[in-house]
PDB file of N, CA and C in Angstrom:
ATOM      1  N   MET A   1       0.684  -1.089  -0.404  1.00  0.00           N
ATOM      2  CA  MET A   1      -0.171  -0.133  -0.127  1.00  0.00           C
ATOM      3  C   MET A   1       1.076   1.295   0.142  1.00  0.00           C
ATOM      4  N   SER A   2       0.366   2.138  -0.872  1.00  0.00           N
ATOM      5  CA  SER A   2       1.482   3.603  -1.024  1.00  0.00           C
ATOM      6  C   SER A   2       1.111   4.263   0.334  1.00  0.00           C
ATOM      7  N   THR A   3       1.748   5.209   0.276  1.00  0.00           N
ATOM      8  CA  THR A   3       2.209   6.097   1.496  1.00  0.00           C
ATOM      9  C   THR A   3       0.726   7.253   1.128  1.00  0.00           C
ATOM     10  N   THR A   4       0.286   7.514   0.156  1.00  0.00           N
ATOM     11  CA  THR A   4      -0.447   8.513  -0.337  1.00  0.00           C
ATOM     12  C   THR A   4      -1.988   8.037   0.064  1.00  0.00           C
ATOM     13  N   VAL A   5      -2.016   6.487  -0.416  1.00  0.00           N
ATOM     14  CA  VAL A   5      -3.365   5.899  -0.430  1.00  0.00           C
ATOM     15  C   VAL A   5      -3.408   5.752   1.162  1.00  0.00           C
ATOM     16  N   LEU A   6      -2.402   5.143   2.031  1.00  0.00           N
ATOM     17  CA  LEU A   6      -2.587   5.483   3.374  1.00  0.00           C
ATOM     18  C   LEU A   6      -3.035   6.998   3.826  1.00  0.00           C
ATOM     19  N   LEU A   7      -2.315   7.658   3.627  1.00  0.00           N
ATOM     20  CA  LEU A   7      -2.815   8.991   4.537  1.00  0.00           C
ATOM     21  C   LEU A   7      -4.396   9.280   4.260  1.00  0.00           C
ATOM     22  N   LEU A   8      -4.445   8.870   2.691  1.00  0.00           N
ATOM     23  CA  LEU A   8      -5.734   9.416   2.197  1.00  0.00           C
ATOM     24  C   LEU A   8      -6.804   8.578   3.001  1.00  0.00           C
ATOM     25  N   THR A   9      -6.744   7.295   3.338  1.00  0.00           N
ATOM     26  CA  THR A   9      -7.457   6.761   4.654  1.00  0.00           C
ATOM     27  C   THR A   9      -7.670   7.118   5.409  1.00  0.00           C
ATOM     28  N   MET A  10      -6.661   7.412   5.993  1.00  0.00           N
ATOM     29  CA  MET A  10      -6.596   7.847   7.766  1.00  0.00           C
ATOM     30  C   MET A  10      -7.319   9.459   7.466  1.00  0.00           C
ATOM     31  N   ALA A  11      -6.722  10.497   6.724  1.00  0.00           N
ATOM     32  CA  ALA A  11      -7.938  11.422   6.103  1.00  0.00           C
ATOM     33  C   ALA A  11      -9.507  11.179   6.597  1.00  0.00           C
ATOM     34  N   ALA A  12      -9.600  10.329   5.802  1.00  0.00           N
ATOM     35  CA  ALA A  12     -11.076   9.907   5.521  1.00  0.00           C
ATOM     36  C   ALA A  12     -11.615   9.336   6.342  1.00  0.00           C
ATOM     37  N   CYS A  13     -10.850   8.364   7.361  1.00  0.00           N
ATOM     38  CA  CYS A  13     -11.562   8.096   8.401  1.00  0.00           C
ATOM     39  C   CYS A  13     -11.772   8.985   9.601  1.00  0.00           C
ATOM     40  N   GLY A  14     -10.967  10.120   9.668  1.00  0.00           N
ATOM     41  CA  GLY A  14     -10.949  11.300  10.472  1.00  0.00           C
ATOM     42  C   GLY A  14     -11.895  11.888  10.270  1.00  0.00           C
ATOM     43  N   LEU A  15     -12.247  12.141   8.852  1.00  0.00           N
ATOM     44  CA  LEU A  15     -13.520  13.362   9.172  1.00  0.00           C
ATOM     45  C   LEU A  15     -14.666  12.456   8.899  1.00  0.00           C
ATOM     46  N   VAL A  16     -14.616  11.477   8.631  1.00  0.00           N
ATOM     47  CA  VAL A  16     -16.139  10.500   8.904  1.00  0.00           C
ATOM     48  C   VAL A  16     -16.431  10.446  10.432  1.00  0.00           C
ATOM     49  N   THR A  17     -15.465  10.599  11.418  1.00  0.00           N
ATOM     50  CA  THR A  17     -15.233  10.469  12.617  1.00  0.00           C
ATOM     51  C   THR A  17     -16.348  11.517  13.300  1.00  0.00           C
ATOM     52  N   PHE A  18     -15.093  12.512  12.868  1.00  0.00           N
ATOM     53  CA  PHE A  18     -15.402  13.858  13.186  1.00  0.00           C
ATOM     54  C   PHE A  18     -17.105  14.186  12.520  1.00  0.00           C
ATOM     55  N   LEU A  19     -17.295  14.362  11.288  1.00  0.00           N
ATOM     56  CA  LEU A  19     -18.671  14.452  10.983  1.00  0.00           C
ATOM     57  C   LEU A  19     -19.786  13.474  11.950  1.00  0.00           C
ATOM     58  N   ILE A  20     -19.570  12.609  11.844  1.00  0.00           N
ATOM     59  CA  ILE A  20     -20.397  11.515  13.002  1.00  0.00           C
ATOM     60  C   ILE A  20     -20.997  12.541  14.514  1.00  0.00           C
ATOM     61  N   ARG A  21     -19.598  12.824  15.120  1.00  0.00           N
ATOM     62  CA  ARG A  21     -19.744  13.843  16.262  1.00  0.00           C
ATOM     63  C   ARG A  21     -19.872  15.251  15.967  1.00  0.00           C
ATOM     64  N   LEU A  22     -19.977  15.752  15.167  1.00  0.00           N
ATOM     65  CA  LEU A  22     -20.521  17.116  14.521  1.00  0.00           C
ATOM     66  C   LEU A  22     -21.979  16.828  14.846  1.00  0.00           C
ATOM     67  N   SER A  23     -22.784  15.867  13.798  1.00  0.00           N
ATOM     68  CA  SER A  23     -24.006  15.582  13.596  1.00  0.00           C
ATOM     69  C   SER A  23     -24.423  15.680  14.959  1.00  0.00           C
ATOM     70  N   PHE A  24     -24.220  15.121  16.264  1.00  0.00           N
ATOM     71  CA  PHE A  24     -25.073  15.190  17.615  1.00  0.00           C
ATOM     72  C   PHE A  24     -24.872  16.760  18.164  1.00  0.00           C
ATOM     73  N   ILE A  25     -23.968  17.260  17.670  1.00  0.00           N
ATOM     74  CA  ILE A  25     -23.444  18.437  18.273  1.00  0.00           C
ATOM     75  C   ILE A  25     -24.446  19.494  17.360  1.00  0.00           C
ATOM     76  N   ALA A  26     -24.487  19.294  16.440  1.00  0.00           N
ATOM     77  CA  ALA A  26     -25.263  20.277  15.713  1.00  0.00           C
ATOM     78  C   ALA A  26     -26.425  20.096  15.183  1.00  0.00           C
ATOM     79  N   PHE A  27     -26.811  18.996  15.092  1.00  0.00           N
ATOM     80  CA  PHE A  27     -28.264  18.822  15.228  1.00  0.00           C
ATOM     81  C   PHE A  27     -29.162  17.690  16.058  1.00  0.00           C
ATOM     82  N   GLY A  28     -28.499  18.024  17.292  1.00  0.00           N
ATOM     83  CA  GLY A  28     -29.222  16.980  18.478  1.00  0.00           C
ATOM     84  C   GLY A  28     -30.427  17.714  19.013  1.00  0.00           C
ATOM     85  N   HIS A  29     -30.269  18.988  18.731  1.00  0.00           N
ATOM     86  CA  HIS A  29     -31.598  19.693  19.137  1.00  0.00           C
ATOM     87  C   HIS A  29     -32.658  19.147  18.421  1.00  0.00           C
ATOM     88  N   HIS A  30     -32.765  18.265  17.091  1.00  0.00           N
ATOM     89  CA  HIS A  30     -33.897  18.121  16.680  1.00  0.00           C
ATOM     90  C   HIS A  30     -34.290  16.840  17.378  1.00  0.00           C
ATOM     91  N   LEU A  31     -33.589  15.877  17.865  1.00  0.00           N
ATOM     92  CA  LEU A  31     -34.042  14.629  18.333  1.00  0.00           C
ATOM     93  C   LEU A  31     -34.981  15.175  19.215  1.00  0.00           C
ATOM     94  N   PRO A  32     -36.110  14.201  19.590  1.00  0.00           N
ATOM     95  CA  PRO A  32     -37.375  14.130  20.320  1.00  0.00           C
ATOM     96  C   PRO A  32     -36.879  14.286  21.729  1.00  0.00           C
ATOM     97  N   ASP A  33     -37.091  14.822  22.677  1.00  0.00           N
ATOM     98  CA  ASP A  33     -37.269  15.000  24.212  1.00  0.00           C
ATOM     99  C   ASP A  33     -38.096  14.052  24.435  1.00  0.00           C
ATOM    100  N   ASP A  34     -37.785  12.595  24.467  1.00  0.00           N
ATOM    101  CA  ASP A  34     -38.199  11.262  24.554  1.00  0.00           C
ATOM    102  C   ASP A  34     -37.339  10.410  25.758  1.00  0.00           C
ATOM    103  N   PRO A  35     -38.029  10.280  27.078  1.00  0.00           N
ATOM    104  CA  PRO A  35     -36.807   9.514  27.815  1.00  0.00           C
ATOM    105  C   PRO A  35     -36.480   8.047  27.326  1.00  0.00           C
ATOM    106  N   ARG A  36     -37.167   7.327  26.479  1.00  0.00           N
ATOM    107  CA  ARG A  36     -36.909   6.195  25.683  1.00  0.00           C
ATOM    108  C   ARG A  36     -35.565   6.267  25.416  1.00  0.00           C
ATOM    109  N   ILE A  37     -35.444   7.309  24.382  1.00  0.00           N
ATOM    110  CA  ILE A  37     -34.040   7.602  23.388  1.00  0.00           C
ATOM    111  C   ILE A  37     -32.998   7.853  24.615  1.00  0.00           C
ATOM    112  N   SER A  38     -32.881   8.698  25.380  1.00  0.00           N
ATOM    113  CA  SER A  38     -32.043   8.796  26.451  1.00  0.00           C
ATOM    114  C   SER A  38     -31.678   7.348  27.052  1.00  0.00           C
ATOM    115  N   ALA A  39     -32.592   6.458  27.653  1.00  0.00           N
ATOM    116  CA  ALA A  39     -32.549   5.034  28.050  1.00  0.00           C
ATOM    117  C   ALA A  39     -31.776   4.285  27.227  1.00  0.00           C
ATOM    118  N   VAL A  40     -31.818   4.582  25.939  1.00  0.00           N
ATOM    119  CA  VAL A  40     -31.270   3.689  24.628  1.00  0.00           C
ATOM    120  C   VAL A  40     -29.989   4.096  24.694  1.00  0.00           C
ATOM    121  N   LEU A  41     -29.687   5.669  24.309  1.00  0.00           N
ATOM    122  CA  LEU A  41     -28.272   5.931  24.261  1.00  0.00           C
ATOM    123  C   LEU A  41     -27.756   5.660  25.252  1.00  0.00           C
ATOM    124  N   ARG A  42     -27.770   5.520  26.798  1.00  0.00           N
ATOM    125  CA  ARG A  42     -26.891   4.753  27.799  1.00  0.00           C
ATOM    126  C   ARG A  42     -26.196   3.604  27.190  1.00  0.00           C
ATOM    127  N   TYR A  43     -27.179   2.749  26.789  1.00  0.00           N
ATOM    128  CA  TYR A  43     -26.389   1.918  26.101  1.00  0.00           C
ATOM    129  C   TYR A  43     -25.053   1.773  25.302  1.00  0.00           C
ATOM    130  N   VAL A  44     -25.058   3.061  24.667  1.00  0.00           N
ATOM    131  CA  VAL A  44     -24.308   2.733  23.385  1.00  0.00           C
ATOM    132  C   VAL A  44     -22.827   2.840  23.784  1.00  0.00           C
ATOM    133  N   PRO A  45     -22.153   3.859  24.989  1.00  0.00           N
ATOM    134  CA  PRO A  45     -20.938   3.326  25.319  1.00  0.00           C
ATOM    135  C   PRO A  45     -20.295   1.876  25.679  1.00  0.00           C
ATOM    136  N   PRO A  46     -21.429   1.276  26.518  1.00  0.00           N
ATOM    137  CA  PRO A  46     -20.882  -0.513  27.092  1.00  0.00           C
ATOM    138  C   PRO A  46     -20.563  -1.011  25.945  1.00  0.00           C
ATOM    139  N   ALA A  47     -21.567  -0.498  24.868  1.00  0.00           N
ATOM    140  CA  ALA A  47     -21.678  -1.806  23.538  1.00  0.00           C
ATOM    141  C   ALA A  47     -20.389  -1.559  22.710  1.00  0.00           C
ATOM    142  N   ILE A  48     -19.959  -0.296  22.635  1.00  0.00           N
ATOM    143  CA  ILE A  48     -18.819   0.222  21.915  1.00  0.00           C
ATOM    144  C   ILE A  48     -17.596  -0.145  22.579  1.00  0.00           C
ATOM    145  N   LEU A  49     -17.634  -0.132  24.116  1.00  0.00           N
ATOM    146  CA  LEU A  49     -16.514  -0.543  24.432  1.00  0.00           C
ATOM    147  C   LEU A  49     -16.578  -2.343  24.374  1.00  0.00           C
ATOM    148  N   GLY A  50     -17.173  -3.139  24.414  1.00  0.00           N
ATOM    149  CA  GLY A  50     -17.478  -4.447  24.531  1.00  0.00           C
ATOM    150  C   GLY A  50     -17.022  -4.930  22.994  1.00  0.00           C
ATOM    151  N   ALA A  51     -17.667  -4.271  21.794  1.00  0.00           N
ATOM    152  CA  ALA A  51     -17.088  -4.569  20.430  1.00  0.00           C
ATOM    153  C   ALA A  51     -15.493  -4.318  20.097  1.00  0.00           C
ATOM    154  N   LEU A  52     -15.321  -3.247  21.361  1.00  0.00           N
ATOM    155  CA  LEU A  52     -13.457  -2.818  21.209  1.00  0.00           C
ATOM    156  C   LEU A  52     -12.524  -3.868  21.751  1.00  0.00           C
ATOM    157  N   ILE A  53     -13.292  -4.831  22.976  1.00  0.00           N
ATOM    158  CA  ILE A  53     -12.419  -5.312  23.841  1.00  0.00           C
ATOM    159  C   ILE A  53     -12.643  -6.595  23.580  1.00  0.00           C
ATOM    160  N   ALA A  54     -13.631  -7.526  22.875  1.00  0.00           N
ATOM    161  CA  ALA A  54     -13.955  -8.532  22.712  1.00  0.00           C
ATOM    162  C   ALA A  54     -13.055  -9.153  21.673  1.00  0.00           C
ATOM    163  N   PRO A  55     -12.805  -8.328  20.407  1.00  0.00           N
ATOM    164  CA  PRO A  55     -11.685  -9.215  19.772  1.00  0.00           C
ATOM    165  C   PRO A  55     -10.398  -9.169  20.147  1.00  0.00           C
ATOM    166  N   GLU A  56     -10.100  -8.289  21.334  1.00  0.00           N
ATOM    167  CA  GLU A  56      -8.677  -8.323  21.778  1.00  0.00           C
ATOM    168  C   GLU A  56      -8.511  -9.624  22.753  1.00  0.00           C
ATOM    169  N   ILE A  57      -9.860 -10.169  23.476  1.00  0.00           N
ATOM    170  CA  ILE A  57      -9.824 -11.097  24.254  1.00  0.00           C
ATOM    171  C   ILE A  57      -9.933 -12.280  23.410  1.00  0.00           C
ATOM    172  N   PHE A  58     -10.647 -12.460  22.862  1.00  0.00           N
ATOM    173  CA  PHE A  58     -10.989 -13.953  21.655  1.00  0.00           C
ATOM    174  C   PHE A  58     -10.576 -14.518  20.699  1.00  0.00           C
ATOM    175  N   MET A  59      -9.507 -13.164  20.678  1.00  0.00           N
ATOM    176  CA  MET A  59      -8.843 -13.480  18.915  1.00  0.00           C
ATOM    177  C   MET A  59      -7.134 -13.609  19.251  1.00  0.00           C
ATOM    178  N   VAL A  60      -6.401 -14.777  19.283  1.00  0.00           N
ATOM    179  CA  VAL A  60      -5.544 -14.979  19.743  1.00  0.00           C
ATOM    180  C   VAL A  60      -4.534 -15.350  18.445  1.00  0.00           C
ATOM    181  N   GLY A  61      -3.794 -15.055  17.752  1.00  0.00           N
ATOM    182  CA  GLY A  61      -3.121 -15.066  16.287  1.00  0.00           C
ATOM    183  C   GLY A  61      -3.740 -14.972  15.424  1.00  0.00           C
ATOM    184  N   GLY A  62      -5.019 -14.499  15.120  1.00  0.00           N
ATOM    185  CA  GLY A  62      -5.529 -14.500  13.961  1.00  0.00           C
ATOM    186  C   GLY A  62      -6.655 -15.302  13.906  1.00  0.00           C
ATOM    187  N   SER A  63      -7.055 -15.936  15.312  1.00  0.00           N
ATOM    188  CA  SER A  63      -8.213 -17.259  15.046  1.00  0.00           C
ATOM    189  C   SER A  63      -8.714 -16.953  16.265  1.00  0.00           C
ATOM    190  N   LEU A  64     -10.045 -17.072  16.374  1.00  0.00           N
ATOM    191  CA  LEU A  64     -10.798 -17.267  17.428  1.00  0.00           C
ATOM    192  C   LEU A  64     -10.621 -18.549  18.319  1.00  0.00           C
ATOM    193  N   SER A  65     -10.341 -17.771  19.852  1.00  0.00           N
ATOM    194  CA  SER A  65      -9.642 -18.896  20.478  1.00  0.00           C
ATOM    195  C   SER A  65     -10.623 -18.678  22.269  1.00  0.00           C
ATOM    196  N   SER A  66     -11.406 -19.295  22.191  1.00  0.00           N
ATOM    197  CA  SER A  66     -12.496 -19.276  23.708  1.00  0.00           C
ATOM    198  C   SER A  66     -11.982 -20.495  24.714  1.00  0.00           C
ATOM    199  N   THR A  67     -10.752 -20.924  24.550  1.00  0.00           N
ATOM    200  CA  THR A  67     -10.377 -22.225  25.321  1.00  0.00           C
ATOM    201  C   THR A  67      -9.922 -21.856  26.463  1.00  0.00           C
ATOM    202  N   PRO A  68      -9.572 -22.566  27.436  1.00  0.00           N
ATOM    203  CA  PRO A  68      -9.155 -22.350  28.782  1.00  0.00           C
ATOM    204  C   PRO A  68      -7.802 -22.042  28.527  1.00  0.00           C
ATOM    205  N   ASP A  69      -7.159 -22.224  27.426  1.00  0.00           N
ATOM    206  CA  ASP A  69      -5.435 -21.949  27.599  1.00  0.00           C
ATOM    207  C   ASP A  69      -5.074 -20.823  26.844  1.00  0.00           C
ATOM    208  N   ASN A  70      -6.219 -19.729  26.864  1.00  0.00           N
ATOM    209  CA  ASN A  70      -6.338 -18.718  26.463  1.00  0.00           C
ATOM    210  C   ASN A  70      -6.026 -17.385  27.591  1.00  0.00           C
ATOM    211  N   PRO A  71      -4.987 -17.150  27.606  1.00  0.00           N
ATOM    212  CA  PRO A  71      -4.349 -16.370  28.873  1.00  0.00           C
ATOM    213  C   PRO A  71      -5.257 -14.877  29.059  1.00  0.00           C
ATOM    214  N   ARG A  72      -5.462 -14.399  27.874  1.00  0.00           N
ATOM    215  CA  ARG A  72      -6.577 -13.200  27.710  1.00  0.00           C
ATOM    216  C   ARG A  72      -7.759 -13.503  28.380  1.00  0.00           C
ATOM    217  N   LEU A  73      -8.135 -14.524  27.853  1.00  0.00           N
ATOM    218  CA  LEU A  73      -9.509 -14.918  28.742  1.00  0.00           C
ATOM    219  C   LEU A  73      -9.551 -15.032  30.105  1.00  0.00           C
ATOM    220  N   TRP A  74      -8.797 -15.341  30.839  1.00  0.00           N
ATOM    221  CA  TRP A  74      -8.829 -15.442  32.068  1.00  0.00           C
ATOM    222  C   TRP A  74      -8.252 -14.160  32.586  1.00  0.00           C
ATOM    223  N   ALA A  75      -7.043 -13.532  32.086  1.00  0.00           N
ATOM    224  CA  ALA A  75      -6.938 -11.871  32.748  1.00  0.00           C
ATOM    225  C   ALA A  75      -8.387 -11.187  32.722  1.00  0.00           C
ATOM    226  N   ALA A  76      -9.237 -11.277  31.733  1.00  0.00           N
ATOM    227  CA  ALA A  76     -10.548 -10.423  31.566  1.00  0.00           C
ATOM    228  C   ALA A  76     -11.376 -10.859  32.465  1.00  0.00           C
ATOM    229  N   LEU A  77     -11.301 -12.434  33.046  1.00  0.00           N
ATOM    230  CA  LEU A  77     -12.320 -12.600  34.149  1.00  0.00           C
ATOM    231  C   LEU A  77     -11.751 -11.807  35.652  1.00  0.00           C
ATOM    232  N   VAL A  78     -10.303 -11.640  35.468  1.00  0.00           N
ATOM    233  CA  VAL A  78      -9.814 -11.136  36.622  1.00  0.00           C
ATOM    234  C   VAL A  78     -10.347  -9.773  36.790  1.00  0.00           C
ATOM    235  N   ALA A  79     -10.187  -9.031  35.553  1.00  0.00           N
ATOM    236  CA  ALA A  79     -10.615  -7.986  35.739  1.00  0.00           C
ATOM    237  C   ALA A  79     -12.058  -7.702  35.681  1.00  0.00           C
ATOM    238  N   LEU A  80     -12.826  -8.437  35.416  1.00  0.00           N
ATOM    239  CA  LEU A  80     -14.046  -8.272  35.306  1.00  0.00           C
ATOM    240  C   LEU A  80     -14.387  -8.380  36.974  1.00  0.00           C
ATOM    241  N   LEU A  81     -13.885  -9.574  37.558  1.00  0.00           N
ATOM    242  CA  LEU A  81     -14.262  -9.507  39.236  1.00  0.00           C
ATOM    243  C   LEU A  81     -13.911  -8.631  39.800  1.00  0.00           C
ATOM    244  N   VAL A  82     -12.317  -7.625  39.662  1.00  0.00           N
ATOM    245  CA  VAL A  82     -12.165  -6.539  40.184  1.00  0.00           C
ATOM    246  C   VAL A  82     -13.229  -5.554  40.140  1.00  0.00           C
ATOM    247  N   ALA A  83     -13.627  -5.557  39.039  1.00  0.00           N
ATOM    248  CA  ALA A  83     -14.372  -4.171  38.429  1.00  0.00           C
ATOM    249  C   ALA A  83     -15.696  -4.562  38.497  1.00  0.00           C
ATOM    250  N   ARG A  84     -16.145  -5.550  39.343  1.00  0.00           N
ATOM    251  CA  ARG A  84     -17.038  -6.043  40.067  1.00  0.00           C
ATOM    252  C   ARG A  84     -17.236  -5.711  41.693  1.00  0.00           C
ATOM    253  N   LEU A  85     -15.834  -5.944  42.055  1.00  0.00           N
ATOM    254  CA  LEU A  85     -15.629  -5.712  43.610  1.00  0.00           C
ATOM    255  C   LEU A  85     -15.541  -4.368  43.788  1.00  0.00           C
ATOM    256  N   THR A  86     -14.517  -3.681  43.043  1.00  0.00           N
ATOM    257  CA  THR A  86     -13.935  -2.326  43.445  1.00  0.00           C
ATOM    258  C   THR A  86     -14.561  -1.180  42.704  1.00  0.00           C
ATOM    259  N   ARG A  87     -15.104  -1.114  41.419  1.00  0.00           N
ATOM    260  CA  ARG A  87     -16.059  -0.023  40.781  1.00  0.00           C
ATOM    261  C   ARG A  87     -15.114   0.845  40.740  1.00  0.00           C
ATOM    262  N   ASN A  88     -13.643   0.586  40.183  1.00  0.00           N
ATOM    263  CA  ASN A  88     -12.343   1.272  40.583  1.00  0.00           C
ATOM    264  C   ASN A  88     -11.947   1.241  38.930  1.00  0.00           C
ATOM    265  N   VAL A  89     -11.917   2.246  38.029  1.00  0.00           N
ATOM    266  CA  VAL A  89     -11.337   1.697  36.569  1.00  0.00           C
ATOM    267  C   VAL A  89      -9.763   1.708  36.778  1.00  0.00           C
ATOM    268  N   LEU A  90      -8.993   2.513  37.529  1.00  0.00           N
ATOM    269  CA  LEU A  90      -7.687   2.090  37.326  1.00  0.00           C
ATOM    270  C   LEU A  90      -7.339   0.586  37.967  1.00  0.00           C
ATOM    271  N   ALA A  91      -8.197   0.171  39.237  1.00  0.00           N
ATOM    272  CA  ALA A  91      -7.893  -1.302  39.674  1.00  0.00           C
ATOM    273  C   ALA A  91      -8.076  -2.249  38.747  1.00  0.00           C
ATOM    274  N   THR A  92      -9.158  -1.934  38.014  1.00  0.00           N
ATOM    275  CA  THR A  92      -9.717  -3.288  36.980  1.00  0.00           C
ATOM    276  C   THR A  92      -8.264  -2.773  35.488  1.00  0.00           C
ATOM    277  N   ILE A  93      -7.740  -1.859  35.315  1.00  0.00           N
ATOM    278  CA  ILE A  93      -6.867  -2.129  34.344  1.00  0.00           C
ATOM    279  C   ILE A  93      -5.856  -2.590  34.928  1.00  0.00           C
ATOM    280  N   ALA A  94      -5.329  -2.169  36.242  1.00  0.00           N
ATOM    281  CA  ALA A  94      -4.034  -2.876  36.871  1.00  0.00           C
ATOM    282  C   ALA A  94      -4.318  -4.348  37.094  1.00  0.00           C
ATOM    283  N   ALA A  95      -5.450  -4.621  37.323  1.00  0.00           N
ATOM    284  CA  ALA A  95      -5.284  -6.170  37.963  1.00  0.00           C
ATOM    285  C   ALA A  95      -5.605  -7.054  36.697  1.00  0.00           C
ATOM    286  N   GLY A  96      -5.980  -6.847  35.476  1.00  0.00           N
ATOM    287  CA  GLY A  96      -5.815  -7.022  34.300  1.00  0.00           C
ATOM    288  C   GLY A  96      -4.703  -7.399  33.711  1.00  0.00           C
ATOM    289  N   MET A  97      -4.187  -6.198  33.320  1.00  0.00           N
ATOM    290  CA  MET A  97      -2.608  -6.342  32.980  1.00  0.00           C
ATOM    291  C   MET A  97      -1.609  -7.104  34.208  1.00  0.00           C
ATOM    292  N   VAL A  98      -1.569  -7.111  35.041  1.00  0.00           N
ATOM    293  CA  VAL A  98      -1.048  -8.091  36.388  1.00  0.00           C
ATOM    294  C   VAL A  98      -1.134  -9.535  35.827  1.00  0.00           C
ATOM    295  N   ALA A  99      -2.871  -9.535  36.201  1.00  0.00           N
ATOM    296  CA  ALA A  99      -3.066 -11.137  35.837  1.00  0.00           C
ATOM    297  C   ALA A  99      -2.586 -11.766  34.252  1.00  0.00           C
ATOM    298  N   LEU A 100      -2.687 -10.841  33.155  1.00  0.00           N
ATOM    299  CA  LEU A 100      -2.165 -11.232  31.849  1.00  0.00           C
ATOM    300  C   LEU A 100      -0.791 -11.542  32.045  1.00  0.00           C
ATOM    301  N   TRP A 101      -0.013 -10.631  32.541  1.00  0.00           N
ATOM    302  CA  TRP A 101       1.726 -10.521  32.452  1.00  0.00           C
ATOM    303  C   TRP A 101       1.717 -12.103  33.302  1.00  0.00           C
ATOM    304  N   ALA A 102       1.317 -12.143  34.308  1.00  0.00           N
ATOM    305  CA  ALA A 102       1.254 -13.409  35.365  1.00  0.00           C
ATOM    306  C   ALA A 102       1.039 -14.677  34.528  1.00  0.00           C
ATOM    307  N   ILE A 103      -0.096 -14.947  33.854  1.00  0.00           N
ATOM    308  CA  ILE A 103      -0.617 -16.046  33.649  1.00  0.00           C
ATOM    309  C   ILE A 103       0.477 -16.470  32.221  1.00  0.00           C
ATOM    310  N   GLN A 104       1.089 -15.128  31.315  1.00  0.00           N
ATOM    311  CA  GLN A 104       1.706 -15.392  30.432  1.00  0.00           C
ATOM    312  C   GLN A 104       3.112 -15.771  30.792  1.00  0.00           C
ATOM    313  N   VAL A 105       3.616 -15.718  32.456  1.00  0.00           N
ATOM    314  CA  VAL A 105       4.857 -16.033  32.587  1.00  0.00           C
ATOM    315  C   VAL A 105       4.884 -17.354  32.942  1.00  0.00           C
ATOM    316  N   CYS A 106       3.699 -17.664  33.579  1.00  0.00           N
ATOM    317  CA  CYS A 106       3.577 -18.913  33.925  1.00  0.00           C
ATOM    318  C   CYS A 106       3.573 -19.996  32.860  1.00  0.00           C
ATOM    319  N   LEU A 107       3.047 -19.632  31.928  1.00  0.00           N
ATOM    320  CA  LEU A 107       2.634 -20.573  30.622  1.00  0.00           C
ATOM    321  C   LEU A 107       4.067 -20.577  29.839  1.00  0.00           C
ATOM    322  N   GLY A 108       4.982 -19.391  30.478  1.00  0.00           N
ATOM    323  CA  GLY A 108       6.122 -19.773  29.461  1.00  0.00           C
ATOM    324  C   GLY A 108       6.235 -19.153  28.445  1.00  0.00           C
TER     325      GLY A 108
END
């Protein structure tokens, strides 16, 4: 892939992202003031976060791996437990990273 194509692709992605965000700022007042819409929009960030994290957990070496020998799966479970117990984002990230490193060291 040439540098020009790569730069144009990155610029196009940035423009699309900007326009999507701008649409809510510029035209958000046209949305109906319905509590159901607000309730639905509250689920957008967790859904996006799940879509970003799931491939990192379940894809190992380019293939789907949900078997018990997947260290990322165990680290994610540790992070979920810490998140549930502490409700602290920094503790969750730290626990997940430490768990992943420890599991990878143990597995060699």
